[in-house]
Structure formats: C-alpha cells, structure tokens
PDB file of all heavy atoms in Angstrom:
ATOM      1  N   ASN A   1     -14.068   8.493   8.778  1.00  0.00           N
ATOM      2  CA  ASN A   1     -13.368   7.253   9.113  1.00  0.00           C
ATOM      3  C   ASN A   1     -13.321   6.308   7.922  1.00  0.00           C
ATOM      4  O   ASN A   1     -12.308   5.639   7.680  1.00  0.00           O
ATOM      5  CB  ASN A   1     -14.021   6.556  10.312  1.00  0.00           C
ATOM      6  CG  ASN A   1     -13.007   5.808  11.147  1.00  0.00           C
ATOM      7  OD1 ASN A   1     -11.854   6.242  11.299  1.00  0.00           O
ATOM      8  ND2 ASN A   1     -13.406   4.678  11.701  1.00  0.00           N
ATOM      9  N   LEU A   2     -14.406   6.246   7.163  1.00  0.00           N
ATOM     10  CA  LEU A   2     -14.413   5.446   5.942  1.00  0.00           C
ATOM     11  C   LEU A   2     -13.422   6.023   4.943  1.00  0.00           C
ATOM     12  O   LEU A   2     -12.702   5.279   4.257  1.00  0.00           O
ATOM     13  CB  LEU A   2     -15.817   5.405   5.335  1.00  0.00           C
ATOM     14  CG  LEU A   2     -15.948   4.672   3.989  1.00  0.00           C
ATOM     15  CD1 LEU A   2     -15.488   3.232   4.110  1.00  0.00           C
ATOM     16  CD2 LEU A   2     -17.385   4.749   3.475  1.00  0.00           C
ATOM     17  N   LYS A   3     -13.368   7.338   4.855  1.00  0.00           N
ATOM     18  CA  LYS A   3     -12.414   8.003   3.972  1.00  0.00           C
ATOM     19  C   LYS A   3     -10.984   7.598   4.347  1.00  0.00           C
ATOM     20  O   LYS A   3     -10.163   7.282   3.483  1.00  0.00           O
ATOM     21  CB  LYS A   3     -12.578   9.517   4.072  1.00  0.00           C
ATOM     22  CG  LYS A   3     -11.703  10.315   3.110  1.00  0.00           C
ATOM     23  CD  LYS A   3     -11.890  11.813   3.310  1.00  0.00           C
ATOM     24  CE  LYS A   3     -13.285  12.267   2.945  1.00  0.00           C
ATOM     25  NZ  LYS A   3     -13.428  13.744   3.018  1.00  0.00           N
ATOM     26  N   GLY A   4     -10.698   7.606   5.649  1.00  0.00           N
ATOM     27  CA  GLY A   4      -9.372   7.212   6.111  1.00  0.00           C
ATOM     28  C   GLY A   4      -9.076   5.758   5.818  1.00  0.00           C
ATOM     29  O   GLY A   4      -7.944   5.401   5.448  1.00  0.00           O
ATOM     30  N   PHE A   5     -10.084   4.890   5.969  1.00  0.00           N
ATOM     31  CA  PHE A   5      -9.895   3.461   5.692  1.00  0.00           C
ATOM     32  C   PHE A   5      -9.573   3.233   4.217  1.00  0.00           C
ATOM     33  O   PHE A   5      -8.705   2.419   3.887  1.00  0.00           O
ATOM     34  CB  PHE A   5     -11.147   2.678   6.074  1.00  0.00           C
ATOM     35  CG  PHE A   5     -11.018   1.195   5.879  1.00  0.00           C
ATOM     36  CD1 PHE A   5     -10.367   0.416   6.822  1.00  0.00           C
ATOM     37  CD2 PHE A   5     -11.536   0.586   4.747  1.00  0.00           C
ATOM     38  CE1 PHE A   5     -10.235  -0.957   6.634  1.00  0.00           C
ATOM     39  CE2 PHE A   5     -11.414  -0.781   4.549  1.00  0.00           C
ATOM     40  CZ  PHE A   5     -10.761  -1.570   5.497  1.00  0.00           C
ATOM     41  N   ILE A   6     -10.275   3.938   3.330  1.00  0.00           N
ATOM     42  CA  ILE A   6     -10.011   3.803   1.894  1.00  0.00           C
ATOM     43  C   ILE A   6      -8.577   4.214   1.587  1.00  0.00           C
ATOM     44  O   ILE A   6      -7.871   3.546   0.812  1.00  0.00           O
ATOM     45  CB  ILE A   6     -11.002   4.648   1.076  1.00  0.00           C
ATOM     46  CG1 ILE A   6     -12.418   4.104   1.235  1.00  0.00           C
ATOM     47  CG2 ILE A   6     -10.607   4.660  -0.403  1.00  0.00           C
ATOM     48  CD1 ILE A   6     -13.497   4.979   0.628  1.00  0.00           C
ATOM     49  N   LYS A   7      -8.132   5.297   2.192  1.00  0.00           N
ATOM     50  CA  LYS A   7      -6.762   5.763   1.962  1.00  0.00           C
ATOM     51  C   LYS A   7      -5.745   4.742   2.459  1.00  0.00           C
ATOM     52  O   LYS A   7      -4.735   4.471   1.788  1.00  0.00           O
ATOM     53  CB  LYS A   7      -6.542   7.109   2.652  1.00  0.00           C
ATOM     54  CG  LYS A   7      -7.334   8.251   2.040  1.00  0.00           C
ATOM     55  CD  LYS A   7      -7.117   9.558   2.804  1.00  0.00           C
ATOM     56  CE  LYS A   7      -7.969  10.680   2.245  1.00  0.00           C
ATOM     57  NZ  LYS A   7      -7.756  11.954   2.963  1.00  0.00           N
ATOM     58  N   ILE A   8      -6.002   4.155   3.614  1.00  0.00           N
ATOM     59  CA  ILE A   8      -5.099   3.125   4.141  1.00  0.00           C
ATOM     60  C   ILE A   8      -5.108   1.901   3.238  1.00  0.00           C
ATOM     61  O   ILE A   8      -4.061   1.289   2.997  1.00  0.00           O
ATOM     62  CB  ILE A   8      -5.494   2.760   5.588  1.00  0.00           C
ATOM     63  CG1 ILE A   8      -5.069   3.892   6.521  1.00  0.00           C
ATOM     64  CG2 ILE A   8      -4.860   1.441   6.018  1.00  0.00           C
ATOM     65  CD1 ILE A   8      -5.486   3.728   7.961  1.00  0.00           C
ATOM     66  N   PHE A   9      -6.261   1.556   2.711  1.00  0.00           N
ATOM     67  CA  PHE A   9      -6.374   0.447   1.752  1.00  0.00           C
ATOM     68  C   PHE A   9      -5.488   0.718   0.541  1.00  0.00           C
ATOM     69  O   PHE A   9      -4.742  -0.162   0.088  1.00  0.00           O
ATOM     70  CB  PHE A   9      -7.833   0.299   1.325  1.00  0.00           C
ATOM     71  CG  PHE A   9      -8.092  -0.827   0.371  1.00  0.00           C
ATOM     72  CD1 PHE A   9      -8.251  -2.117   0.832  1.00  0.00           C
ATOM     73  CD2 PHE A   9      -8.179  -0.586  -0.996  1.00  0.00           C
ATOM     74  CE1 PHE A   9      -8.492  -3.170  -0.057  1.00  0.00           C
ATOM     75  CE2 PHE A   9      -8.418  -1.617  -1.892  1.00  0.00           C
ATOM     76  CZ  PHE A   9      -8.575  -2.915  -1.419  1.00  0.00           C
ATOM     77  N   LEU A  10      -5.532   1.941   0.028  1.00  0.00           N
ATOM     78  CA  LEU A  10      -4.712   2.321  -1.119  1.00  0.00           C
ATOM     79  C   LEU A  10      -3.225   2.324  -0.767  1.00  0.00           C
ATOM     80  O   LEU A  10      -2.376   1.908  -1.570  1.00  0.00           O
ATOM     81  CB  LEU A  10      -5.122   3.705  -1.626  1.00  0.00           C
ATOM     82  CG  LEU A  10      -6.543   3.826  -2.187  1.00  0.00           C
ATOM     83  CD1 LEU A  10      -6.894   5.296  -2.434  1.00  0.00           C
ATOM     84  CD2 LEU A  10      -6.683   3.026  -3.474  1.00  0.00           C
ATOM     85  N   ILE A  11      -2.896   2.785   0.424  1.00  0.00           N
ATOM     86  CA  ILE A  11      -1.507   2.802   0.891  1.00  0.00           C
ATOM     87  C   ILE A  11      -0.952   1.388   0.954  1.00  0.00           C
ATOM     88  O   ILE A  11       0.164   1.111   0.491  1.00  0.00           O
ATOM     89  CB  ILE A  11      -1.410   3.484   2.273  1.00  0.00           C
ATOM     90  CG1 ILE A  11      -1.649   4.989   2.141  1.00  0.00           C
ATOM     91  CG2 ILE A  11      -0.039   3.230   2.919  1.00  0.00           C
ATOM     92  CD1 ILE A  11      -1.874   5.695   3.470  1.00  0.00           C
ATOM     93  N   ILE A  12      -1.744   0.480   1.510  1.00  0.00           N
ATOM     94  CA  ILE A  12      -1.306  -0.910   1.633  1.00  0.00           C
ATOM     95  C   ILE A  12      -1.084  -1.535   0.266  1.00  0.00           C
ATOM     96  O   ILE A  12      -0.076  -2.220   0.039  1.00  0.00           O
ATOM     97  CB  ILE A  12      -2.334  -1.731   2.439  1.00  0.00           C
ATOM     98  CG1 ILE A  12      -2.356  -1.261   3.895  1.00  0.00           C
ATOM     99  CG2 ILE A  12      -2.015  -3.223   2.370  1.00  0.00           C
ATOM    100  CD1 ILE A  12      -3.468  -1.876   4.718  1.00  0.00           C
ATOM    101  N   LEU A  13      -2.000  -1.301  -0.667  1.00  0.00           N
ATOM    102  CA  LEU A  13      -1.861  -1.862  -2.012  1.00  0.00           C
ATOM    103  C   LEU A  13      -0.549  -1.410  -2.663  1.00  0.00           C
ATOM    104  O   LEU A  13       0.178  -2.210  -3.253  1.00  0.00           O
ATOM    105  CB  LEU A  13      -3.037  -1.445  -2.894  1.00  0.00           C
ATOM    106  CG  LEU A  13      -4.378  -2.134  -2.657  1.00  0.00           C
ATOM    107  CD1 LEU A  13      -5.409  -1.618  -3.659  1.00  0.00           C
ATOM    108  CD2 LEU A  13      -4.240  -3.650  -2.783  1.00  0.00           C
ATOM    109  N   GLY A  14      -0.259  -0.120  -2.564  1.00  0.00           N
ATOM    110  CA  GLY A  14       0.948   0.408  -3.181  1.00  0.00           C
ATOM    111  C   GLY A  14       2.215  -0.090  -2.532  1.00  0.00           C
ATOM    112  O   GLY A  14       3.126  -0.590  -3.204  1.00  0.00           O
ATOM    113  N   PHE A  15       2.280   0.029  -1.210  1.00  0.00           N
ATOM    114  CA  PHE A  15       3.498  -0.353  -0.501  1.00  0.00           C
ATOM    115  C   PHE A  15       3.714  -1.866  -0.488  1.00  0.00           C
ATOM    116  O   PHE A  15       4.860  -2.326  -0.478  1.00  0.00           O
ATOM    117  CB  PHE A  15       3.463   0.180   0.931  1.00  0.00           C
ATOM    118  CG  PHE A  15       3.912   1.606   1.050  1.00  0.00           C
ATOM    119  CD1 PHE A  15       2.998   2.652   0.912  1.00  0.00           C
ATOM    120  CD2 PHE A  15       5.238   1.927   1.273  1.00  0.00           C
ATOM    121  CE1 PHE A  15       3.411   3.973   1.013  1.00  0.00           C
ATOM    122  CE2 PHE A  15       5.650   3.245   1.373  1.00  0.00           C
ATOM    123  CZ  PHE A  15       4.747   4.273   1.242  1.00  0.00           C
ATOM    124  N   ALA A  16       2.645  -2.648  -0.476  1.00  0.00           N
ATOM    125  CA  ALA A  16       2.787  -4.104  -0.454  1.00  0.00           C
ATOM    126  C   ALA A  16       3.378  -4.624  -1.763  1.00  0.00           C
ATOM    127  O   ALA A  16       4.321  -5.419  -1.763  1.00  0.00           O
ATOM    128  CB  ALA A  16       1.442  -4.762  -0.178  1.00  0.00           C
ATOM    129  N   THR A  17       2.826  -4.175  -2.883  1.00  0.00           N
ATOM    130  CA  THR A  17       3.332  -4.641  -4.178  1.00  0.00           C
ATOM    131  C   THR A  17       4.661  -3.973  -4.537  1.00  0.00           C
ATOM    132  O   THR A  17       5.608  -4.633  -4.945  1.00  0.00           O
ATOM    133  CB  THR A  17       2.303  -4.375  -5.288  1.00  0.00           C
ATOM    134  OG1 THR A  17       1.919  -2.994  -5.257  1.00  0.00           O
ATOM    135  CG2 THR A  17       1.062  -5.224  -5.096  1.00  0.00           C
ATOM    136  N   GLY A  18       4.736  -2.652  -4.346  1.00  0.00           N
ATOM    137  CA  GLY A  18       5.965  -1.938  -4.669  1.00  0.00           C
ATOM    138  C   GLY A  18       7.105  -2.262  -3.715  1.00  0.00           C
ATOM    139  O   GLY A  18       8.267  -2.367  -4.123  1.00  0.00           O
ATOM    140  N   GLY A  19       6.764  -2.439  -2.434  1.00  0.00           N
ATOM    141  CA  GLY A  19       7.794  -2.769  -1.448  1.00  0.00           C
ATOM    142  C   GLY A  19       8.436  -4.109  -1.726  1.00  0.00           C
ATOM    143  O   GLY A  19       9.661  -4.268  -1.569  1.00  0.00           O
ATOM    144  N   ALA A  20       7.640  -5.090  -2.141  1.00  0.00           N
ATOM    145  CA  ALA A  20       8.187  -6.404  -2.481  1.00  0.00           C
ATOM    146  C   ALA A  20       9.154  -6.282  -3.654  1.00  0.00           C
ATOM    147  O   ALA A  20      10.233  -6.885  -3.652  1.00  0.00           O
ATOM    148  CB  ALA A  20       7.057  -7.369  -2.813  1.00  0.00           C
ATOM    149  N   SER A  21       8.773  -5.491  -4.656  1.00  0.00           N
ATOM    150  CA  SER A  21       9.649  -5.303  -5.814  1.00  0.00           C
ATOM    151  C   SER A  21      10.948  -4.585  -5.415  1.00  0.00           C
ATOM    152  O   SER A  21      12.028  -4.923  -5.899  1.00  0.00           O
ATOM    153  CB  SER A  21       8.925  -4.474  -6.896  1.00  0.00           C
ATOM    154  OG  SER A  21       7.786  -5.155  -7.361  1.00  0.00           O
ATOM    155  N   LEU A  22      10.837  -3.627  -4.518  1.00  0.00           N
ATOM    156  CA  LEU A  22      12.016  -2.874  -4.073  1.00  0.00           C
ATOM    157  C   LEU A  22      13.011  -3.779  -3.372  1.00  0.00           C
ATOM    158  O   LEU A  22      14.228  -3.711  -3.593  1.00  0.00           O
ATOM    159  CB  LEU A  22      11.577  -1.737  -3.142  1.00  0.00           C
ATOM    160  CG  LEU A  22      12.665  -0.767  -2.682  1.00  0.00           C
ATOM    161  CD1 LEU A  22      13.320  -0.067  -3.871  1.00  0.00           C
ATOM    162  CD2 LEU A  22      12.062   0.272  -1.724  1.00  0.00           C
ATOM    163  N   LEU A  23      12.508  -4.673  -2.506  1.00  0.00           N
ATOM    164  CA  LEU A  23      13.388  -5.614  -1.817  1.00  0.00           C
ATOM    165  C   LEU A  23      14.012  -6.601  -2.792  1.00  0.00           C
ATOM    166  O   LEU A  23      15.202  -6.953  -2.665  1.00  0.00           O
ATOM    167  CB  LEU A  23      12.610  -6.364  -0.737  1.00  0.00           C
ATOM    168  CG  LEU A  23      12.114  -5.536   0.447  1.00  0.00           C
ATOM    169  CD1 LEU A  23      11.391  -6.434   1.450  1.00  0.00           C
ATOM    170  CD2 LEU A  23      13.260  -4.794   1.130  1.00  0.00           C
ATOM    171  N   LYS A  24      13.246  -7.037  -3.773  1.00  0.00           N
ATOM    172  CA  LYS A  24      13.770  -7.971  -4.767  1.00  0.00           C
ATOM    173  C   LYS A  24      14.866  -7.329  -5.611  1.00  0.00           C
ATOM    174  O   LYS A  24      15.846  -7.983  -5.996  1.00  0.00           O
ATOM    175  CB  LYS A  24      12.638  -8.482  -5.669  1.00  0.00           C
ATOM    176  CG  LYS A  24      11.646  -9.391  -4.961  1.00  0.00           C
ATOM    177  CD  LYS A  24      10.480  -9.732  -5.851  1.00  0.00           C
ATOM    178  CE  LYS A  24       9.427 -10.550  -5.098  1.00  0.00           C
ATOM    179  NZ  LYS A  24       8.231 -10.837  -5.950  1.00  0.00           N
ATOM    180  N   ILE A  25      14.726  -6.033  -5.866  1.00  0.00           N
ATOM    181  CA  ILE A  25      15.762  -5.303  -6.590  1.00  0.00           C
ATOM    182  C   ILE A  25      17.051  -5.289  -5.793  1.00  0.00           C
ATOM    183  O   ILE A  25      18.150  -5.466  -6.330  1.00  0.00           O
ATOM    184  CB  ILE A  25      15.292  -3.867  -6.903  1.00  0.00           C
ATOM    185  CG1 ILE A  25      14.249  -3.887  -8.029  1.00  0.00           C
ATOM    186  CG2 ILE A  25      16.467  -2.961  -7.287  1.00  0.00           C
ATOM    187  CD1 ILE A  25      13.558  -2.578  -8.269  1.00  0.00           C
TER     188      ILE A  25
END
C-alpha cells in the first residue's frame, strides 16, 4: 500500500505540473 501511495504521489507530481503546461499550450 505504501508502494502504491508513492506511485500515486509520483503520478500526481507529473500530471499536475505537466498537465498545467499542456493546457497553457
């Protein structure tokens, strides 16, 4: 479960920053 949480943490970091840039583009 901790392993899954870390992966979700990484997913959020990527999609949050990259997703904002994608919309701005």
